[in-house]
Amino acid sequence: MNDAKVIPMTINGRHRGVSASPNETLLESLRGLAYFEVKSGCEKGDCGACAVLVDGEAVDSCLTLTWTVEGASITTVSGLGSVDAPHPLQKAFIDRGAAQCGYCTPGLIIAAQSMLDNDTRDPDEDDIRVALSGNLCRCTGYTKVFDAVSEAARIMREAGESS
């Protein structure tokens, strides 16, 4: 018996109807729709590589059932900016050398965006540590990541924007 149903949602500004079974995770649904920037890491909520924004809040898509985000607005790292017009966080990660291998980068950027949108626009290092605490990176000591988030926050404050 196929219990799949179509779940309406908006992904990166595009209205979609996503067919999902009751036990299908948002990670599985997004990757099935070719949103490969949403990384499949630990699949148990420990690494943060699969983080996306759901109505502006960072969530681990591997722990979120697709049926629970009916009608929600989903933003992946690709929904923040593009190659031609990168988001300040994306640009800062590149400029500050914070991307390393790149596997954890989408989740780190999503977590940082959630912090800047919801918590603080002028984060100190402790704020950034807390915001990124659910994200693991095996390539860096996080110094460049913290620098990139601080730089992007400064640029966004000066520009008067949040996303």
Protein backbone atom coordinates (compact mmCIF):
# COMPACT_ATOMS: atom_id res chain seq x y z
CA MET A 1 0.00 0.00 0.00
CA ASN A 2 1.36 3.38 -1.02
CA ASP A 3 0.49 6.04 1.53
CA ALA A 4 2.35 8.80 -0.34
CA LYS A 5 0.64 12.14 -0.63
CA VAL A 6 1.54 15.43 -2.23
CA ILE A 7 2.83 17.95 0.29
CA PRO A 8 2.63 21.58 -0.85
CA MET A 9 5.63 23.75 0.08
CA THR A 10 7.80 26.48 -1.30
CA ILE A 11 11.43 25.55 -1.99
CA ASN A 12 13.82 28.41 -2.69
CA GLY A 13 10.91 30.63 -3.69
CA ARG A 14 9.31 28.06 -6.02
CA HIS A 15 5.93 26.55 -5.12
CA ARG A 16 6.13 22.76 -5.28
CA GLY A 17 4.00 19.74 -4.59
CA VAL A 18 6.29 17.08 -3.17
CA SER A 19 5.13 13.47 -3.19
CA ALA A 20 6.26 11.82 0.05
CA SER A 21 5.44 8.77 2.13
CA PRO A 22 4.66 9.26 5.84
CA ASN A 23 8.16 8.19 6.95
CA GLU A 24 10.13 10.12 4.29
CA THR A 25 12.50 12.74 5.61
CA LEU A 26 12.82 16.20 4.16
CA LEU A 27 16.43 15.30 3.31
CA GLU A 28 15.24 12.37 1.18
CA SER A 29 12.57 14.50 -0.50
CA LEU A 30 14.93 17.39 -1.28
CA ARG A 31 17.67 15.16 -2.65
CA GLY A 32 15.02 13.29 -4.68
CA LEU A 33 14.18 16.65 -6.26
CA ALA A 34 17.90 17.22 -7.08
CA TYR A 35 18.65 19.69 -4.28
CA PHE A 36 22.06 18.08 -3.84
CA GLU A 37 23.45 21.08 -1.95
CA VAL A 38 21.55 19.59 1.01
CA LYS A 39 24.17 17.09 2.10
CA SER A 40 23.48 13.65 3.49
CA GLY A 41 25.90 13.28 6.37
CA CYS A 42 25.24 11.33 9.54
CA GLU A 43 21.46 11.00 8.98
CA LYS A 44 20.89 11.22 12.74
CA GLY A 45 21.09 14.95 13.49
CA ASP A 46 24.68 15.12 14.70
CA CYS A 47 26.58 16.83 11.86
CA GLY A 48 24.36 19.64 10.51
CA ALA A 49 25.34 19.01 6.88
CA CYS A 50 21.68 18.63 5.91
CA ALA A 51 20.50 21.88 7.51
CA VAL A 52 17.87 23.94 5.70
CA LEU A 53 15.71 26.85 6.75
CA VAL A 54 12.07 25.97 7.41
CA ASP A 55 10.12 29.20 7.72
CA GLY A 56 13.38 30.91 8.66
CA GLU A 57 14.53 28.43 11.32
CA ALA A 58 17.48 26.10 10.75
CA VAL A 59 16.49 22.43 11.01
CA ASP A 60 18.25 19.17 10.29
CA SER A 61 16.37 17.86 7.29
CA CYS A 62 17.43 14.30 8.13
CA LEU A 63 15.29 14.47 11.30
CA THR A 64 12.34 16.33 9.77
CA LEU A 65 9.54 14.37 8.17
CA THR A 66 8.38 15.90 4.90
CA TRP A 67 4.74 15.67 5.98
CA THR A 68 5.49 18.02 8.92
CA VAL A 69 6.50 20.92 6.67
CA GLU A 70 3.27 21.12 4.70
CA GLY A 71 2.81 24.69 3.49
CA ALA A 72 6.23 25.77 4.77
CA SER A 73 8.87 27.82 3.05
CA ILE A 74 12.09 25.80 2.67
CA THR A 75 15.38 27.51 1.87
CA THR A 76 18.53 25.64 0.95
CA VAL A 77 21.91 27.33 0.64
CA SER A 78 21.24 27.71 -3.09
CA GLY A 79 18.15 29.74 -2.27
CA LEU A 80 20.25 32.37 -0.48
CA GLY A 81 22.30 33.46 -3.47
CA SER A 82 23.78 32.43 -6.79
CA VAL A 83 27.19 32.21 -8.43
CA ASP A 84 26.55 35.59 -10.08
CA ALA A 85 25.00 37.21 -6.99
CA PRO A 86 26.24 35.39 -3.88
CA HIS A 87 24.71 36.05 -0.49
CA PRO A 88 27.11 37.91 1.87
CA LEU A 89 27.61 34.69 3.86
CA GLN A 90 28.48 32.73 0.73
CA LYS A 91 30.89 35.43 -0.42
CA ALA A 92 32.53 35.70 3.01
CA PHE A 93 33.04 31.93 3.18
CA ILE A 94 34.83 32.10 -0.18
CA ASP A 95 36.81 35.25 0.61
CA ARG A 96 37.91 34.01 4.06
CA GLY A 97 38.81 30.48 2.92
CA ALA A 98 36.15 28.96 5.15
CA ALA A 99 34.81 26.51 2.59
CA GLN A 100 37.64 23.93 2.68
CA CYS A 101 36.24 20.70 1.18
CA GLY A 102 32.76 22.25 1.09
CA TYR A 103 30.75 19.34 2.45
CA CYS A 104 29.72 21.05 5.69
CA THR A 105 29.61 24.55 4.18
CA PRO A 106 25.90 24.59 3.20
CA GLY A 107 24.84 23.59 6.72
CA LEU A 108 27.19 26.11 8.33
CA ILE A 109 25.87 28.91 6.12
CA ILE A 110 22.25 27.94 6.85
CA ALA A 111 22.92 27.90 10.62
CA ALA A 112 24.66 31.29 10.41
CA GLN A 113 21.78 32.73 8.36
CA SER A 114 19.26 31.54 10.92
CA MET A 115 21.27 33.20 13.70
CA LEU A 116 21.52 36.48 11.80
CA ASP A 117 17.82 36.47 10.94
CA ASN A 118 16.50 35.36 14.31
CA ASP A 119 18.93 36.00 17.13
CA THR A 120 21.52 38.67 16.67
CA ARG A 121 22.72 40.95 13.91
CA ASP A 122 25.99 41.76 15.68
CA PRO A 123 27.29 38.40 16.88
CA ASP A 124 30.41 37.94 18.96
CA GLU A 125 32.45 34.73 18.81
CA ASP A 126 30.37 33.09 21.55
CA ASP A 127 27.14 33.83 19.65
CA ILE A 128 28.62 32.27 16.52
CA ARG A 129 29.90 29.22 18.45
CA VAL A 130 26.43 28.60 19.85
CA ALA A 131 24.71 29.10 16.50
CA LEU A 132 27.07 26.71 14.73
CA SER A 133 27.31 24.18 17.56
CA GLY A 134 25.15 21.67 15.69
CA ASN A 135 27.50 21.65 12.70
CA LEU A 136 30.62 19.52 12.42
CA CYS A 137 33.57 20.22 10.15
CA ARG A 138 36.51 17.87 9.87
CA CYS A 139 38.67 20.19 7.72
CA THR A 140 39.09 23.32 9.84
CA GLY A 141 39.59 24.55 13.36
CA TYR A 142 36.55 26.78 12.70
CA THR A 143 38.60 30.01 12.93
CA LYS A 144 38.03 30.86 9.26
CA VAL A 145 34.36 29.95 9.60
CA PHE A 146 33.92 32.32 12.57
CA ASP A 147 35.79 35.04 10.66
CA ALA A 148 33.54 34.56 7.63
CA VAL A 149 30.34 34.75 9.69
CA SER A 150 31.58 37.88 11.51
CA GLU A 151 32.52 39.52 8.21
CA ALA A 152 29.18 38.68 6.60
CA ALA A 153 27.29 39.97 9.64
CA ARG A 154 29.19 43.26 9.45
CA ILE A 155 28.50 43.62 5.72
CA MET A 156 24.83 42.78 6.20
CA ARG A 157 24.48 45.30 9.07
CA GLU A 158 26.09 48.01 6.96
CA ALA A 159 23.80 47.19 4.06
CA GLY A 160 20.77 47.07 6.39
CA GLU A 161 19.73 43.58 5.30
CA SER A 162 19.10 40.27 7.02
CA SER A 163 18.92 37.83 4.14
